[in-house]
Amino acid sequence: MLKQTPLNAKHREANAKLVDFSGWEMPIHYGSQIEEHNIVRRDAGMFDVSHMLPVDIKGEGARAFLKKLVANNVDKLQTTGRALYTCMLHEGGGVVDDLIVYFMTESWFRLVVNAGCADKDLAWMETQREKFLSAAANMSEANVKPDSSGGQSHKFAPGLEIKPLRDLAMIAVQGPKAAEKLWQALPGSEELTRPMKPFTAVMIGQMFVARTGYTGEDGFEIMLPAKAAPFFWQALLDVGVKPCGLGARDTLRLEAGMNLYGQDMDETTTPLESGLAWTVDLKSERDFVGKDSLLRLPVSRQLVGLLLLDKGVLRAHQHVLTREGAGEITSGSFSPTLNASVALARIPVGVNLGDEVEVEIRDKRLKARVVKYPFVRNGKAMI
């Protein structure tokens, strides 16, 4: 049986087309994926993203644990509410998941992980926590010294809790008018949220409000108690925020050049092959899971943008032929904003921006140009 979010009844009221998404019954659209895509580019739309899982890391040693767990450096997070995008890697450098880390206090960090990876991520974090605590205890034992009473000082034994927050719902409000409509739906929130910069978060009562998103537009992602979610969803509807499905979310994120786990990256690819080198801290002396492999293994593939020059639609898994060898499209679709077909593709290193390649679509080879992504940002074409 498919899992349902606290907003399932609201989706049914709106006649959403519901599909199986990673074991969750989720809306793919409410009538027109194209209209939902365009409303986010021009006004404000909202998405039920309650299938994603917030996870709190709490207790002594939380920062030190995350410095070991993820590839980006959480030491960049020094101000309450700041957020960081990063990947969690296995020892071979492959991506276990991509996630956002929020810093609230030294003993409270919040992560948000992908729906399809949630159980795997929690098991991985627990395994790494045990290794971390074991290493910390061994280090402490090696440094045990007699105290003033002739006994021994206490061992270092940080408390470290990994707490999945399955009782929270999550709503993303996105678009150039997202802020003003949020302020209408949530009276009193303007003073706290207007000064917020991208990738920051604040608590408003029981709401965790982050200025983040997955569409290339301004907007907020709001985590709130599950029981309150239908009422807040209705409040957003009442001020004109349109419900949007996961179909529009995917074309919006592709236009924004944002990776999708399971397509543009997975455990068989490293962040360096997935256009995510900017999220990996290899400069500091900090060691993290997967760092040794990233330093040791050669990088022979790169993630690039493609713009189809011939008539057709680019799709995932289509073969890409280049002068340096073959590659593959990882995400592809028709772009409603550009009225063209675009894709992310993993191809050999050595192919440059502006080069022409060929894409095999059925029995034909169609021409495409290698371009820099994002394709669209804040409603404007970038190519």
Protein backbone atom coordinates (compact mmCIF):
# COMPACT_ATOMS: atom_id res chain seq x y z
CA MET A 1 0.00 0.00 0.00
CA LEU A 2 1.29 3.41 -0.95
CA LYS A 3 2.16 5.87 1.80
CA GLN A 4 0.16 9.09 1.93
CA THR A 5 1.11 12.57 3.06
CA PRO A 6 -1.11 14.64 5.41
CA LEU A 7 -2.27 16.54 2.31
CA ASN A 8 -3.62 13.55 0.41
CA ALA A 9 -7.27 14.57 0.98
CA LYS A 10 -6.54 18.09 -0.33
CA HIS A 11 -5.07 16.59 -3.50
CA ARG A 12 -8.18 14.47 -4.01
CA GLU A 13 -10.43 17.51 -3.46
CA ALA A 14 -8.53 19.24 -6.27
CA ASN A 15 -8.87 16.23 -8.62
CA ALA A 16 -5.14 15.66 -8.77
CA LYS A 17 -3.79 12.79 -10.82
CA LEU A 18 -2.08 10.66 -8.18
CA VAL A 19 0.80 8.33 -8.97
CA ASP A 20 3.27 6.09 -7.18
CA PHE A 21 6.39 8.12 -6.46
CA SER A 22 9.03 6.21 -4.47
CA GLY A 23 6.27 4.37 -2.61
CA TRP A 24 4.21 7.51 -1.95
CA GLU A 25 0.88 8.42 -3.51
CA MET A 26 1.70 11.87 -4.89
CA PRO A 27 0.10 14.34 -7.33
CA ILE A 28 1.79 14.40 -10.72
CA HIS A 29 -0.47 17.27 -11.87
CA TYR A 30 -3.87 18.87 -11.23
CA GLY A 31 -4.93 19.08 -14.86
CA SER A 32 -2.09 20.69 -16.80
CA GLN A 33 1.60 20.24 -16.05
CA ILE A 34 2.49 23.07 -18.46
CA GLU A 35 0.15 25.55 -16.75
CA GLU A 36 1.56 24.60 -13.35
CA HIS A 37 5.09 25.06 -14.65
CA ASN A 38 4.27 28.49 -16.03
CA ILE A 39 2.43 29.69 -12.91
CA VAL A 40 5.61 29.10 -10.87
CA ARG A 41 7.70 31.07 -13.38
CA ARG A 42 5.23 33.98 -13.44
CA ASP A 43 3.35 34.03 -10.12
CA ALA A 44 3.34 31.47 -7.27
CA GLY A 45 2.69 27.77 -6.99
CA MET A 46 2.98 25.26 -4.19
CA PHE A 47 4.11 21.67 -3.95
CA ASP A 48 3.44 18.99 -1.37
CA VAL A 49 6.94 17.70 -0.60
CA SER A 50 5.99 15.98 2.65
CA HIS A 51 7.41 12.72 1.30
CA MET A 52 10.88 14.14 1.88
CA LEU A 53 12.24 13.48 5.35
CA PRO A 54 13.62 16.05 7.80
CA VAL A 55 16.16 14.53 10.18
CA ASP A 56 17.49 16.27 13.28
CA ILE A 57 21.06 15.65 14.43
CA LYS A 58 21.16 16.64 18.07
CA GLY A 59 23.59 16.56 20.92
CA GLU A 60 27.22 16.98 21.77
CA GLY A 61 29.46 16.31 18.79
CA ALA A 62 26.80 17.08 16.15
CA ARG A 63 29.08 19.37 14.12
CA ALA A 64 32.07 17.02 14.37
CA PHE A 65 29.90 14.13 13.21
CA LEU A 66 28.60 16.05 10.19
CA LYS A 67 32.14 17.13 9.28
CA LYS A 68 32.89 13.45 8.91
CA LEU A 69 29.57 12.47 7.30
CA VAL A 70 29.17 14.91 4.39
CA ALA A 71 31.41 16.20 1.60
CA ASN A 72 30.79 19.91 2.04
CA ASN A 73 32.22 21.58 5.12
CA VAL A 74 29.65 22.42 7.79
CA ASP A 75 32.17 24.81 9.32
CA LYS A 76 30.77 27.22 6.72
CA LEU A 77 27.65 27.25 8.91
CA GLN A 78 28.30 29.66 11.76
CA THR A 79 25.10 31.74 11.87
CA THR A 80 21.82 30.38 13.18
CA GLY A 81 19.53 29.42 10.31
CA ARG A 82 22.21 29.15 7.62
CA ALA A 83 21.88 26.21 5.23
CA LEU A 84 24.34 24.22 3.13
CA TYR A 85 23.81 21.94 0.15
CA THR A 86 25.97 18.84 0.17
CA CYS A 87 26.29 15.17 -0.72
CA MET A 88 26.71 12.20 1.58
CA LEU A 89 29.18 9.72 0.06
CA HIS A 90 30.19 6.11 0.59
CA GLU A 91 33.84 5.16 0.93
CA GLY A 92 34.20 4.76 -2.85
CA GLY A 93 33.09 8.36 -3.44
CA GLY A 94 29.65 7.46 -4.85
CA VAL A 95 26.70 9.60 -3.80
CA VAL A 96 24.51 7.99 -1.12
CA ASP A 97 22.20 11.02 -1.27
CA ASP A 98 22.18 14.78 -1.70
CA LEU A 99 20.72 16.86 1.10
CA ILE A 100 20.44 20.25 2.77
CA VAL A 101 21.96 20.85 6.21
CA TYR A 102 20.56 23.64 8.41
CA PHE A 103 22.51 24.96 11.41
CA MET A 104 20.32 26.00 14.33
CA THR A 105 22.62 25.56 17.38
CA GLU A 106 25.84 23.67 18.09
CA SER A 107 23.70 20.83 19.39
CA TRP A 108 21.00 20.98 16.69
CA PHE A 109 21.42 20.59 12.94
CA ARG A 110 18.51 19.71 10.65
CA LEU A 111 18.94 17.69 7.45
CA VAL A 112 16.38 17.14 4.68
CA VAL A 113 16.88 13.97 2.63
CA ASN A 114 15.17 12.56 -0.46
CA ALA A 115 12.02 10.45 -0.08
CA GLY A 116 13.33 7.45 -1.98
CA CYS A 117 16.58 7.41 0.01
CA ALA A 118 15.21 8.07 3.48
CA ASP A 119 15.45 4.57 4.97
CA LYS A 120 18.81 3.94 3.31
CA ASP A 121 20.10 7.29 4.56
CA LEU A 122 19.03 6.66 8.14
CA ALA A 123 20.74 3.25 8.17
CA TRP A 124 23.89 4.81 6.70
CA MET A 125 23.90 7.63 9.25
CA GLU A 126 23.46 5.17 12.12
CA THR A 127 26.41 3.11 10.86
CA GLN A 128 28.58 6.20 10.56
CA ARG A 129 27.46 7.41 13.99
CA GLU A 130 28.64 4.17 15.60
CA LYS A 131 32.01 4.49 13.85
CA PHE A 132 32.26 8.11 14.91
CA LEU A 133 31.45 7.38 18.54
CA SER A 134 33.81 4.42 18.60
CA ALA A 135 36.64 6.50 17.16
CA ALA A 136 35.92 9.30 19.65
CA ALA A 137 35.93 6.86 22.56
CA ASN A 138 39.22 5.29 21.44
CA MET A 139 40.81 8.70 21.10
CA SER A 140 39.60 9.65 24.55
CA GLU A 141 40.89 6.41 26.06
CA ALA A 142 44.30 6.99 24.54
CA ASN A 143 44.39 10.40 26.16
CA VAL A 144 43.15 9.36 29.61
CA LYS A 145 45.30 10.93 32.31
CA PRO A 146 45.18 10.64 36.08
CA ASP A 147 43.14 13.39 37.67
CA SER A 148 44.00 15.31 40.80
CA SER A 149 42.46 12.65 43.05
CA GLY A 150 44.63 9.92 41.63
CA GLY A 151 41.78 8.49 39.57
CA GLN A 152 41.15 8.87 35.85
CA SER A 153 39.37 11.66 34.04
CA HIS A 154 36.05 10.94 32.27
CA LYS A 155 36.17 9.52 28.76
CA PHE A 156 34.86 11.64 25.92
CA ALA A 157 31.40 10.23 25.24
CA PRO A 158 29.30 12.62 23.15
CA GLY A 159 25.57 12.13 23.07
CA LEU A 160 24.47 12.14 19.45
CA GLU A 161 20.86 11.61 18.41
CA ILE A 162 19.66 10.97 14.85
CA LYS A 163 15.95 11.73 14.91
CA PRO A 164 13.72 11.34 11.80
CA LEU A 165 10.79 13.78 11.94
CA ARG A 166 8.03 11.74 10.34
CA ASP A 167 5.33 13.82 12.05
CA LEU A 168 6.15 16.90 9.97
CA ALA A 169 4.64 17.94 6.66
CA MET A 170 6.52 20.04 4.14
CA ILE A 171 5.13 22.55 1.63
CA ALA A 172 7.21 24.41 -0.97
CA VAL A 173 5.86 27.79 -2.14
CA GLN A 174 7.74 28.93 -5.21
CA GLY A 175 7.61 31.79 -7.71
CA PRO A 176 8.27 35.52 -8.05
CA LYS A 177 5.15 36.27 -5.96
CA ALA A 178 5.79 33.53 -3.38
CA ALA A 179 6.89 35.92 -0.64
CA GLU A 180 3.96 38.32 -0.84
CA LYS A 181 1.46 35.43 -0.92
CA LEU A 182 3.14 33.72 2.00
CA TRP A 183 2.82 36.94 3.98
CA GLN A 184 -0.91 37.08 3.16
CA ALA A 185 -1.45 33.45 4.14
CA LEU A 186 0.63 33.68 7.30
CA PRO A 187 -0.07 37.05 8.94
CA GLY A 188 2.84 38.31 10.99
CA SER A 189 5.47 36.40 9.02
CA GLU A 190 6.63 39.30 6.84
CA GLU A 191 8.81 40.93 9.48
CA LEU A 192 10.72 37.70 10.05
CA THR A 193 10.96 36.44 6.47
CA ARG A 194 11.46 39.61 4.41
CA PRO A 195 15.13 39.97 5.48
CA MET A 196 15.88 36.31 4.82
CA LYS A 197 18.53 35.58 2.20
CA PRO A 198 18.51 32.41 0.10
CA PHE A 199 19.53 29.31 2.03
CA THR A 200 18.50 30.56 5.45
CA ALA A 201 15.77 29.44 7.84
CA VAL A 202 13.82 30.76 10.82
CA MET A 203 11.35 29.30 13.28
CA ILE A 204 7.91 30.93 13.32
CA GLY A 205 6.03 29.25 16.13
CA GLN A 206 6.03 25.57 15.21
CA MET A 207 6.88 26.31 11.59
CA PHE A 208 10.40 25.87 10.25
CA VAL A 209 10.51 28.32 7.33
CA ALA A 210 13.44 28.07 4.90
CA ARG A 211 14.14 30.32 1.93
CA THR A 212 15.09 27.45 -0.33
CA GLY A 213 13.59 25.66 -3.28
CA TYR A 214 14.05 23.45 -6.27
CA THR A 215 12.68 25.55 -9.11
CA GLY A 216 15.17 28.37 -9.76
CA GLU A 217 12.69 30.89 -8.36
CA ASP A 218 12.34 32.75 -5.09
CA GLY A 219 10.35 30.88 -2.50
CA PHE A 220 10.08 29.04 0.76
CA GLU A 221 9.98 25.51 2.04
CA ILE A 222 7.90 25.26 5.20
CA MET A 223 8.03 22.33 7.61
CA LEU A 224 5.10 22.20 10.00
CA PRO A 225 3.16 19.72 12.16
CA ALA A 226 1.24 17.24 10.00
CA LYS A 227 -2.11 18.14 11.62
CA ALA A 228 -1.70 21.79 10.66
CA ALA A 229 -0.69 21.14 7.05
CA PRO A 230 -4.20 20.95 5.46
CA PHE A 231 -5.17 24.28 7.09
CA PHE A 232 -2.03 26.03 5.91
CA TRP A 233 -2.45 24.53 2.42
CA GLN A 234 -5.99 25.94 2.34
CA ALA A 235 -4.75 29.34 3.52
CA LEU A 236 -2.31 29.40 0.62
CA LEU A 237 -5.09 28.38 -1.79
CA ASP A 238 -7.25 31.20 -0.46
CA VAL A 239 -4.64 33.84 -1.37
CA GLY A 240 -4.21 32.44 -4.88
CA VAL A 241 -1.27 30.07 -4.64
CA LYS A 242 -1.89 27.33 -7.19
CA PRO A 243 -1.23 23.66 -6.36
CA CYS A 244 1.39 22.10 -8.62
CA GLY A 245 2.39 18.48 -9.10
CA LEU A 246 5.66 16.65 -9.29
CA GLY A 247 5.59 16.80 -13.10
CA ALA A 248 5.99 20.57 -13.10
CA ARG A 249 8.50 20.31 -10.28
CA ASP A 250 10.68 18.13 -12.49
CA THR A 251 10.64 20.42 -15.54
CA LEU A 252 11.25 23.45 -13.30
CA ARG A 253 14.22 21.84 -11.59
CA LEU A 254 15.65 20.71 -14.94
CA GLU A 255 15.42 24.25 -16.32
CA ALA A 256 17.13 25.39 -13.11
CA GLY A 257 19.91 22.85 -13.71
CA MET A 258 19.42 21.08 -10.40
CA ASN A 259 20.35 17.44 -10.03
CA LEU A 260 17.81 14.74 -9.31
CA TYR A 261 19.02 11.86 -7.20
CA GLY A 262 18.68 8.51 -8.99
CA GLN A 263 19.00 10.13 -12.40
CA ASP A 264 21.80 12.71 -12.44
CA MET A 265 23.73 11.08 -9.61
CA ASP A 266 23.66 7.91 -7.58
CA GLU A 267 26.03 5.55 -5.79
CA THR A 268 27.82 4.70 -9.06
CA THR A 269 28.82 8.32 -9.71
CA THR A 270 30.83 10.83 -7.71
CA PRO A 271 29.89 14.47 -7.19
CA LEU A 272 32.88 15.39 -9.36
CA GLU A 273 31.24 13.56 -12.28
CA SER A 274 27.84 15.06 -11.49
CA GLY A 275 28.49 18.78 -11.73
CA LEU A 276 28.74 19.06 -7.97
CA ALA A 277 32.44 19.73 -7.43
CA TRP A 278 31.41 23.05 -5.88
CA THR A 279 29.79 21.15 -3.03
CA VAL A 280 32.92 19.15 -2.16
CA ASP A 281 35.53 20.48 0.23
CA LEU A 282 38.89 19.01 -0.80
CA LYS A 283 41.00 21.97 0.31
CA SER A 284 40.78 21.75 4.08
CA GLU A 285 42.53 19.09 6.16
CA ARG A 286 39.14 17.75 7.22
CA ASP A 287 38.65 14.08 6.46
CA PHE A 288 35.22 12.82 5.40
CA VAL A 289 33.76 9.60 4.15
CA GLY A 290 34.71 9.19 0.48
CA LYS A 291 37.41 11.88 0.42
CA ASP A 292 40.28 9.48 -0.20
CA SER A 293 38.54 8.03 -3.27
CA LEU A 294 37.75 11.46 -4.68
CA LEU A 295 41.43 12.42 -4.39
CA ARG A 296 42.66 9.14 -5.82
CA LEU A 297 40.31 8.31 -8.68
CA PRO A 298 40.65 10.05 -12.07
CA VAL A 299 37.64 12.02 -13.31
CA SER A 300 36.83 10.91 -16.85
CA ARG A 301 33.19 12.06 -17.09
CA GLN A 302 31.43 15.39 -16.70
CA LEU A 303 27.83 16.58 -16.45
CA VAL A 304 26.88 19.12 -19.12
CA GLY A 305 23.80 20.80 -20.49
CA LEU A 306 22.45 19.97 -23.94
CA LEU A 307 20.18 22.03 -26.19
CA LEU A 308 18.58 19.99 -28.97
CA LEU A 309 19.06 21.66 -32.36
CA ASP A 310 16.83 19.31 -34.34
CA LYS A 311 13.16 18.58 -33.75
CA GLY A 312 12.45 16.05 -30.99
CA VAL A 313 12.49 15.62 -27.22
CA LEU A 314 15.51 14.65 -25.13
CA ARG A 315 14.89 11.95 -22.53
CA ALA A 316 16.89 10.17 -19.85
CA HIS A 317 19.06 7.25 -20.98
CA GLN A 318 19.34 8.34 -24.61
CA HIS A 319 22.87 7.83 -25.92
CA VAL A 320 25.06 10.84 -26.64
CA LEU A 321 27.81 10.50 -29.25
CA THR A 322 30.82 12.83 -29.00
CA ARG A 323 34.29 12.96 -30.53
CA GLU A 324 35.65 11.84 -27.14
CA GLY A 325 33.35 8.82 -26.86
CA ALA A 326 29.81 7.96 -25.84
CA GLY A 327 27.77 9.38 -22.98
CA GLU A 328 24.20 9.33 -21.74
CA ILE A 329 21.42 11.77 -20.99
CA THR A 330 20.59 11.68 -17.29
CA SER A 331 17.58 14.06 -17.36
CA GLY A 332 15.83 15.46 -20.39
CA SER A 333 12.53 17.12 -21.24
CA PHE A 334 10.78 19.80 -23.20
CA SER A 335 11.38 23.18 -21.57
CA PRO A 336 8.14 25.19 -21.45
CA THR A 337 10.03 28.41 -20.70
CA LEU A 338 12.49 28.04 -23.59
CA ASN A 339 10.10 26.25 -25.97
CA ALA A 340 12.97 23.86 -26.69
CA SER A 341 14.25 20.49 -25.60
CA VAL A 342 17.06 20.49 -23.02
CA ALA A 343 18.90 17.89 -21.00
CA LEU A 344 21.61 17.13 -18.52
CA ALA A 345 24.04 14.54 -19.84
CA ARG A 346 27.08 12.73 -18.52
CA ILE A 347 29.71 12.66 -21.27
CA PRO A 348 33.49 12.22 -21.50
CA VAL A 349 35.81 14.96 -20.27
CA GLY A 350 37.29 16.85 -23.23
CA VAL A 351 34.02 17.91 -24.82
CA ASN A 352 33.65 21.68 -24.45
CA LEU A 353 30.88 24.23 -24.22
CA GLY A 354 29.65 25.10 -27.70
CA ASP A 355 30.60 21.74 -29.21
CA GLU A 356 28.02 19.87 -31.23
CA VAL A 357 27.16 16.27 -30.33
CA GLU A 358 24.63 13.73 -31.57
CA VAL A 359 21.83 12.12 -29.58
CA GLU A 360 20.32 8.80 -30.59
CA ILE A 361 16.52 9.10 -30.51
CA ARG A 362 14.90 5.94 -31.76
CA ASP A 363 16.74 5.18 -35.01
CA LYS A 364 17.88 8.73 -35.69
CA ARG A 365 20.89 10.78 -34.70
CA LEU A 366 19.86 14.34 -33.85
CA LYS A 367 22.18 17.30 -33.32
CA ALA A 368 22.55 19.00 -29.95
CA ARG A 369 24.85 21.70 -28.62
CA VAL A 370 26.73 21.52 -25.32
CA VAL A 371 25.66 24.50 -23.20
CA LYS A 372 26.22 25.80 -19.71
CA TYR A 373 23.38 25.23 -17.27
CA PRO A 374 21.16 26.45 -15.53
CA PHE A 375 18.96 26.93 -18.56
CA VAL A 376 16.55 29.28 -16.74
CA ARG A 377 16.95 31.30 -13.55
CA ASN A 378 14.38 33.63 -12.01
CA GLY A 379 12.19 33.32 -15.07
CA LYS A 380 14.90 34.37 -17.53
CA ALA A 381 16.57 32.27 -20.20
CA MET A 382 20.27 31.72 -19.47
CA ILE A 383 21.27 30.17 -22.82
